[in-house]
Amino acid sequence: MTRHEETGAALLSVLLLVAVMAVIAATALDRLTLATRIAGSAATVDQGRAYAFAAEQIALRRVGELVRRDPAKLTLAGDWLGRDFTLPLPGGTGRARLADANNCFNLNSLAAETAPGRLSQRSGAIAQFGELMVLLGIDRGEALGIAGAAADWIDSDGNDGPLGAEDGVYRSMQTSYLPANRKMADPSELRAVRGVTPKIYARLRPWICVLPVADPVRLNVNTLAPEQAPLIAMLMPGQIAIGDARAALAARPAGGYGSSVRFWEASSLARLDPGDIAEQTGVTSRWLALTVNVTMGDGFLTAESLIDANGGAPAAGQAAPAIVRRDWGESD
């Protein structure tokens, strides 16, 4: 090999080494950038969660004030329902909103807890859920099938109820699975129930909820909006017209109804004899929902919390309100 060839080979080796080092340096820099971004995102999420926790404490104090003002009645006084409250955050923005979590169909009401962990179907609630679906424009046959299947999904036994579905039905599906046979933890579980299509679920989602209790639905007629009249009409299947329920809600006094009896005495409902159904309406609310949205730079965080206004006590005003459930991220 000539001296000129040796010089060329050495130069080629140096260039190859420089290229390899450049690739290594670029890879290391890229990983460092990614690690920095991940660390920054984690810090933003942690800060956002801290702000969400602070918003919860503010909301708990606000709910406590509402309860202390009148433990026997919760009304729209104070313009608190569905209103966005701005949170003054350094380096970001935040919004918090309270909603009445009583005013929905609690899917867990489809079964009664007859003993700890033992759930039995509640026929009245099944009929009400079916009626709600019919009022929302869902075919009656589909509605009754979904209501029965949802009750079977929750109840403890493995026996098919009327129009229901248990293990055998779900095992025979192309993608087989089993019903939970316990209380639902999130409304999205309804999507796994036989007969619930994406279209039906989307229609139902604004009207349903999941509370940590299997008690019958109890609506607050002092916070229900006239647009939520189907929730009243479902209580007595086939007997209450949506227009009559809407009129009773629209006729609500400025200070709210003093009792559920006064509500049923409204002119549009006076012809009815609600009987025990009257107990499914009230003038106070145990459950409230808090939604907090925090924005920090490019980061965005949503927290949804369920507040027990009774704080676990039998009645309002006996204990401080408490957070009983918290979910991170937007609901479906």
Protein backbone atom coordinates (compact mmCIF):
# COMPACT_ATOMS: atom_id res chain seq x y z
CA MET A 1 0.00 0.00 0.00
CA THR A 2 1.39 3.40 -0.96
CA ARG A 3 1.67 6.30 1.43
CA HIS A 4 -1.16 8.08 -0.41
CA GLU A 5 -3.43 5.07 0.01
CA GLU A 6 -2.59 4.85 3.73
CA THR A 7 -3.51 8.52 4.16
CA GLY A 8 -6.85 7.93 2.41
CA ALA A 9 -7.64 4.90 4.58
CA ALA A 10 -6.86 6.84 7.75
CA LEU A 11 -9.07 9.72 6.64
CA LEU A 12 -11.88 7.31 5.88
CA SER A 13 -11.53 5.75 9.34
CA VAL A 14 -11.66 9.17 10.98
CA LEU A 15 -14.74 10.16 8.97
CA LEU A 16 -16.43 6.88 9.87
CA LEU A 17 -15.64 7.42 13.55
CA VAL A 18 -16.99 10.98 13.40
CA ALA A 19 -20.19 9.71 11.75
CA VAL A 20 -20.67 7.04 14.43
CA MET A 21 -20.05 9.58 17.20
CA ALA A 22 -22.53 11.98 15.56
CA VAL A 23 -25.21 9.27 15.51
CA ILE A 24 -24.52 8.40 19.15
CA ALA A 25 -24.60 12.07 20.15
CA ALA A 26 -27.87 12.67 18.24
CA THR A 27 -29.47 9.60 19.84
CA ALA A 28 -28.32 10.65 23.30
CA LEU A 29 -29.61 14.19 22.73
CA ASP A 30 -32.95 12.88 21.49
CA ARG A 31 -33.31 10.65 24.55
CA LEU A 32 -32.30 13.50 26.83
CA THR A 33 -34.92 15.73 25.22
CA LEU A 34 -37.55 13.01 25.60
CA ALA A 35 -36.58 12.43 29.23
CA THR A 36 -36.77 16.16 29.89
CA ARG A 37 -40.22 16.34 28.33
CA ILE A 38 -41.42 13.32 30.30
CA ALA A 39 -40.09 14.83 33.52
CA GLY A 40 -41.73 18.15 32.66
CA SER A 41 -45.04 16.45 31.87
CA ALA A 42 -44.91 14.50 35.12
CA ALA A 43 -44.24 17.69 37.04
CA THR A 44 -47.13 19.42 35.25
CA VAL A 45 -49.48 16.52 36.03
CA ASP A 46 -48.42 16.51 39.69
CA GLN A 47 -48.97 20.27 39.92
CA GLY A 48 -52.31 19.95 38.13
CA ARG A 49 -53.44 17.26 40.57
CA ALA A 50 -52.41 19.46 43.49
CA TYR A 51 -54.57 22.25 42.09
CA ALA A 52 -57.46 19.80 41.60
CA PHE A 53 -57.16 18.70 45.24
CA ALA A 54 -57.25 22.36 46.28
CA ALA A 55 -60.38 22.88 44.17
CA GLU A 56 -61.99 19.93 45.96
CA GLN A 57 -61.40 21.56 49.31
CA ILE A 58 -62.93 24.81 48.07
CA ALA A 59 -65.94 22.88 46.76
CA LEU A 60 -66.34 20.98 50.05
CA ARG A 61 -66.46 24.28 51.94
CA ARG A 62 -69.01 25.60 49.46
CA VAL A 63 -71.18 22.50 49.82
CA GLY A 64 -70.86 22.75 53.60
CA GLU A 65 -72.17 26.31 53.43
CA LEU A 66 -75.13 25.21 51.29
CA VAL A 67 -76.00 22.44 53.75
CA ARG A 68 -75.67 24.66 56.82
CA ARG A 69 -77.90 27.28 55.24
CA ASP A 70 -80.79 24.79 55.20
CA PRO A 71 -80.07 21.09 55.87
CA ALA A 72 -83.65 20.19 54.93
CA LYS A 73 -83.67 21.82 51.50
CA LEU A 74 -81.21 22.36 48.65
CA THR A 75 -82.31 24.85 46.00
CA LEU A 76 -80.77 26.84 43.16
CA ALA A 77 -80.27 29.84 45.46
CA GLY A 78 -76.74 31.13 45.14
CA ASP A 79 -76.43 30.27 41.44
CA TRP A 80 -74.13 27.34 42.21
CA LEU A 81 -75.54 24.59 39.98
CA GLY A 82 -73.79 24.07 36.64
CA ARG A 83 -71.89 27.34 36.92
CA ASP A 84 -68.19 27.53 36.04
CA PHE A 85 -66.07 28.96 38.84
CA THR A 86 -62.67 30.29 37.79
CA LEU A 87 -59.71 29.21 39.92
CA PRO A 88 -56.82 31.70 40.24
CA LEU A 89 -53.79 29.52 39.49
CA PRO A 90 -50.17 30.70 39.07
CA GLY A 91 -48.97 29.77 35.61
CA GLY A 92 -52.27 28.34 34.45
CA THR A 93 -56.03 28.44 34.53
CA GLY A 94 -58.64 26.33 36.24
CA ARG A 95 -62.40 25.89 36.17
CA ALA A 96 -64.64 24.05 38.60
CA ARG A 97 -68.30 23.13 38.23
CA LEU A 98 -70.79 21.55 40.66
CA ALA A 99 -73.71 19.43 39.49
CA ASP A 100 -76.48 17.62 41.33
CA ALA A 101 -75.57 13.91 41.07
CA ASN A 102 -78.96 12.90 42.47
CA ASN A 103 -80.74 13.96 39.30
CA CYS A 104 -80.03 10.97 37.08
CA PHE A 105 -80.95 7.30 36.89
CA ASN A 106 -78.58 5.46 39.24
CA LEU A 107 -77.90 2.14 37.49
CA ASN A 108 -77.15 0.52 40.84
CA SER A 109 -80.76 1.15 41.88
CA LEU A 110 -81.74 -1.75 39.59
CA ALA A 111 -80.89 -4.07 42.49
CA ALA A 112 -81.49 -3.83 46.22
CA GLU A 113 -78.74 -4.79 48.68
CA THR A 114 -80.70 -7.21 50.87
CA ALA A 115 -77.57 -8.21 52.80
CA PRO A 116 -73.94 -7.03 52.65
CA GLY A 117 -72.75 -7.92 49.15
CA ARG A 118 -76.07 -9.61 48.29
CA LEU A 119 -78.01 -7.88 45.50
CA SER A 120 -81.53 -8.76 44.36
CA GLN A 121 -83.40 -7.22 41.44
CA ARG A 122 -85.76 -4.32 42.10
CA SER A 123 -88.68 -4.71 39.68
CA GLY A 124 -89.91 -1.14 40.10
CA ALA A 125 -86.53 0.30 39.13
CA ILE A 126 -86.32 -2.00 36.11
CA ALA A 127 -89.70 -0.68 34.90
CA GLN A 128 -88.57 2.92 35.47
CA PHE A 129 -85.32 2.40 33.55
CA GLY A 130 -87.22 0.87 30.66
CA GLU A 131 -89.68 3.77 30.68
CA LEU A 132 -86.84 6.31 30.66
CA MET A 133 -85.39 4.68 27.56
CA VAL A 134 -88.78 4.69 25.83
CA LEU A 135 -89.22 8.39 26.68
CA LEU A 136 -85.82 9.05 25.11
CA GLY A 137 -86.92 7.47 21.86
CA ILE A 138 -85.56 3.94 22.23
CA ASP A 139 -87.73 1.09 20.95
CA ARG A 140 -89.80 -0.39 23.79
CA GLY A 141 -88.72 -3.97 23.09
CA GLU A 142 -85.05 -2.97 23.12
CA ALA A 143 -85.56 -0.84 26.22
CA LEU A 144 -87.19 -3.61 28.24
CA GLY A 145 -84.48 -6.07 27.19
CA ILE A 146 -81.69 -3.70 28.18
CA ALA A 147 -83.34 -2.91 31.53
CA GLY A 148 -83.70 -6.61 32.34
CA ALA A 149 -80.16 -7.43 31.21
CA ALA A 150 -78.71 -4.52 33.22
CA ALA A 151 -80.45 -5.79 36.35
CA ASP A 152 -79.04 -9.28 35.73
CA TRP A 153 -75.60 -7.73 35.27
CA ILE A 154 -75.78 -6.32 38.79
CA ASP A 155 -77.73 -8.89 40.81
CA SER A 156 -75.84 -11.59 42.73
CA ASP A 157 -77.51 -14.70 41.34
CA GLY A 158 -76.83 -16.48 38.07
CA ASN A 159 -80.46 -16.92 37.06
CA ASP A 160 -81.86 -15.14 34.03
CA GLY A 161 -84.50 -12.64 35.08
CA PRO A 162 -87.47 -11.67 32.89
CA LEU A 163 -85.96 -10.46 29.59
CA GLY A 164 -82.56 -10.64 31.33
CA ALA A 165 -79.20 -12.19 30.48
CA GLU A 166 -76.74 -14.11 32.62
CA ASP A 167 -73.58 -16.18 32.06
CA GLY A 168 -74.94 -18.40 29.27
CA VAL A 169 -75.87 -15.44 27.06
CA TYR A 170 -72.49 -13.74 27.34
CA ARG A 171 -70.54 -16.98 26.95
CA SER A 172 -72.26 -17.59 23.61
CA MET A 173 -71.12 -14.26 22.18
CA GLN A 174 -68.27 -14.08 19.67
CA THR A 175 -66.14 -12.40 22.32
CA SER A 176 -67.24 -14.21 25.45
CA TYR A 177 -67.19 -12.71 28.94
CA LEU A 178 -69.24 -12.87 32.12
CA PRO A 179 -71.53 -10.38 33.87
CA ALA A 180 -70.10 -8.66 36.93
CA ASN A 181 -72.85 -9.65 39.41
CA ARG A 182 -72.00 -6.66 41.56
CA LYS A 183 -72.70 -2.94 41.69
CA MET A 184 -71.37 -0.97 38.75
CA ALA A 185 -68.39 1.29 39.35
CA ASP A 186 -68.81 3.50 36.27
CA PRO A 187 -71.63 4.22 33.80
CA SER A 188 -69.44 2.93 30.95
CA GLU A 189 -70.03 -0.61 32.26
CA LEU A 190 -73.47 -0.40 30.72
CA ARG A 191 -71.82 -0.73 27.29
CA ALA A 192 -71.02 -4.36 28.12
CA VAL A 193 -74.67 -5.21 28.82
CA ARG A 194 -76.50 -7.19 26.14
CA GLY A 195 -78.40 -5.00 23.70
CA VAL A 196 -76.57 -1.74 24.46
CA THR A 197 -75.23 -0.37 21.17
CA PRO A 198 -72.94 2.67 20.89
CA LYS A 199 -75.92 4.70 19.64
CA ILE A 200 -78.13 3.70 22.56
CA TYR A 201 -75.36 4.33 25.08
CA ALA A 202 -74.69 7.80 23.64
CA ARG A 203 -78.39 8.61 24.01
CA LEU A 204 -78.53 7.34 27.59
CA ARG A 205 -75.23 8.74 28.88
CA PRO A 206 -76.52 12.21 29.91
CA TRP A 207 -79.34 10.58 31.89
CA ILE A 208 -77.57 7.81 33.79
CA CYS A 209 -75.06 7.69 36.61
CA VAL A 210 -73.50 5.26 39.05
CA LEU A 211 -73.68 6.04 42.75
CA PRO A 212 -71.99 3.94 45.46
CA VAL A 213 -75.36 2.94 46.91
CA ALA A 214 -78.13 0.64 45.64
CA ASP A 215 -80.93 2.84 46.96
CA PRO A 216 -83.94 3.73 44.78
CA VAL A 217 -83.57 6.81 42.61
CA ARG A 218 -84.37 9.96 44.60
CA LEU A 219 -84.62 13.15 42.54
CA ASN A 220 -84.36 16.68 43.91
CA VAL A 221 -87.31 18.58 42.45
CA ASN A 222 -85.71 21.86 43.55
CA THR A 223 -82.65 21.43 41.30
CA LEU A 224 -84.09 19.48 38.37
CA ALA A 225 -84.27 21.56 35.19
CA PRO A 226 -87.48 21.48 33.12
CA GLU A 227 -85.41 19.82 30.36
CA GLN A 228 -84.90 16.88 32.71
CA ALA A 229 -88.64 16.17 32.86
CA PRO A 230 -88.23 12.58 31.52
CA LEU A 231 -86.67 11.67 34.87
CA ILE A 232 -89.93 12.62 36.59
CA ALA A 233 -92.08 10.99 33.90
CA MET A 234 -90.24 7.66 34.25
CA LEU A 235 -91.23 7.34 37.93
CA MET A 236 -94.78 6.28 37.03
CA PRO A 237 -94.50 4.44 33.70
CA GLY A 238 -97.26 5.38 31.30
CA GLN A 239 -98.97 7.78 33.71
CA ILE A 240 -96.97 11.01 33.55
CA ALA A 241 -96.62 12.97 30.33
CA ILE A 242 -93.30 14.73 29.81
CA GLY A 243 -95.17 17.99 29.28
CA ASP A 244 -96.91 17.69 32.66
CA ALA A 245 -93.62 16.93 34.42
CA ARG A 246 -91.96 19.87 32.68
CA ALA A 247 -94.80 22.18 33.72
CA ALA A 248 -94.47 21.13 37.38
CA LEU A 249 -90.74 21.86 37.32
CA ALA A 250 -91.24 25.18 35.52
CA ALA A 251 -93.86 26.18 38.14
CA ARG A 252 -91.38 25.73 40.97
CA PRO A 253 -91.46 28.69 43.42
CA ALA A 254 -88.44 30.99 43.51
CA GLY A 255 -87.43 29.53 46.86
CA GLY A 256 -88.04 25.98 45.73
CA TYR A 257 -90.70 23.51 46.83
CA GLY A 258 -90.93 23.17 50.59
CA SER A 259 -91.56 19.43 50.31
CA SER A 260 -92.11 16.75 47.70
CA VAL A 261 -95.80 16.82 48.66
CA ARG A 262 -96.01 20.38 47.34
CA PHE A 263 -94.43 19.24 44.09
CA TRP A 264 -97.03 16.53 43.51
CA GLU A 265 -99.73 19.07 44.27
CA ALA A 266 -98.65 21.16 41.26
CA SER A 267 -101.61 21.68 38.93
CA SER A 268 -100.20 19.53 36.13
CA LEU A 269 -99.66 16.55 38.49
CA ALA A 270 -102.52 16.99 40.98
CA ARG A 271 -104.66 14.32 39.26
CA LEU A 272 -102.06 11.64 40.13
CA ASP A 273 -101.76 9.55 43.27
CA PRO A 274 -98.02 8.86 43.49
CA GLY A 275 -98.27 6.71 46.62
CA ASP A 276 -94.86 5.32 47.55
CA ILE A 277 -93.36 6.86 44.40
CA ALA A 278 -93.52 10.25 46.15
CA GLU A 279 -90.57 9.07 48.25
CA GLN A 280 -88.45 9.03 45.09
CA THR A 281 -88.70 12.79 44.94
CA GLY A 282 -87.29 15.13 47.54
CA VAL A 283 -86.11 18.66 48.11
CA THR A 284 -82.51 17.99 49.09
CA SER A 285 -79.54 16.17 47.57
CA ARG A 286 -77.00 13.84 49.12
CA TRP A 287 -74.77 13.43 46.06
CA LEU A 288 -73.03 16.23 44.17
CA ALA A 289 -70.57 15.95 41.29
CA LEU A 290 -67.53 18.21 40.94
CA THR A 291 -65.67 18.60 37.64
CA VAL A 292 -62.31 20.40 37.68
CA ASN A 293 -60.39 21.36 34.52
CA VAL A 294 -56.80 22.58 34.95
CA THR A 295 -54.67 23.96 32.10
CA MET A 296 -50.94 24.62 32.56
CA GLY A 297 -49.01 25.51 29.42
CA ASP A 298 -49.64 22.67 26.99
CA GLY A 299 -50.86 20.40 29.77
CA PHE A 300 -54.53 19.72 30.49
CA LEU A 301 -56.01 17.74 33.36
CA THR A 302 -59.60 16.83 34.22
CA ALA A 303 -60.75 15.49 37.58
CA GLU A 304 -64.27 14.34 38.40
CA SER A 305 -65.17 13.88 42.07
CA LEU A 306 -68.29 12.61 43.79
CA ILE A 307 -69.22 14.45 46.98
CA ASP A 308 -71.34 13.02 49.77
CA ALA A 309 -73.02 16.12 51.21
CA ASN A 310 -74.01 14.08 54.28
CA GLY A 311 -70.43 13.01 54.93
CA GLY A 312 -71.60 9.45 55.50
CA ALA A 313 -74.14 10.48 58.14
CA PRO A 314 -77.84 9.52 57.93
CA ALA A 315 -78.87 13.11 57.23
CA ALA A 316 -77.39 16.39 56.06
CA GLY A 317 -75.77 18.67 58.61
CA GLN A 318 -74.61 15.87 60.93
CA ALA A 319 -71.14 15.53 59.38
CA ALA A 320 -68.91 17.52 57.05
CA PRO A 321 -69.24 16.79 53.30
CA ALA A 322 -66.64 14.33 51.98
CA ILE A 323 -65.16 13.11 48.70
CA VAL A 324 -66.13 9.47 48.14
CA ARG A 325 -64.83 8.91 44.61
CA ARG A 326 -62.38 10.58 42.23
CA ASP A 327 -61.72 9.90 38.55
CA TRP A 328 -58.93 11.39 36.44
CA GLY A 329 -59.57 12.20 32.81
CA GLU A 330 -62.68 13.09 30.88
CA SER A 331 -65.64 10.74 31.12
CA ASP A 332 -66.86 8.99 28.00
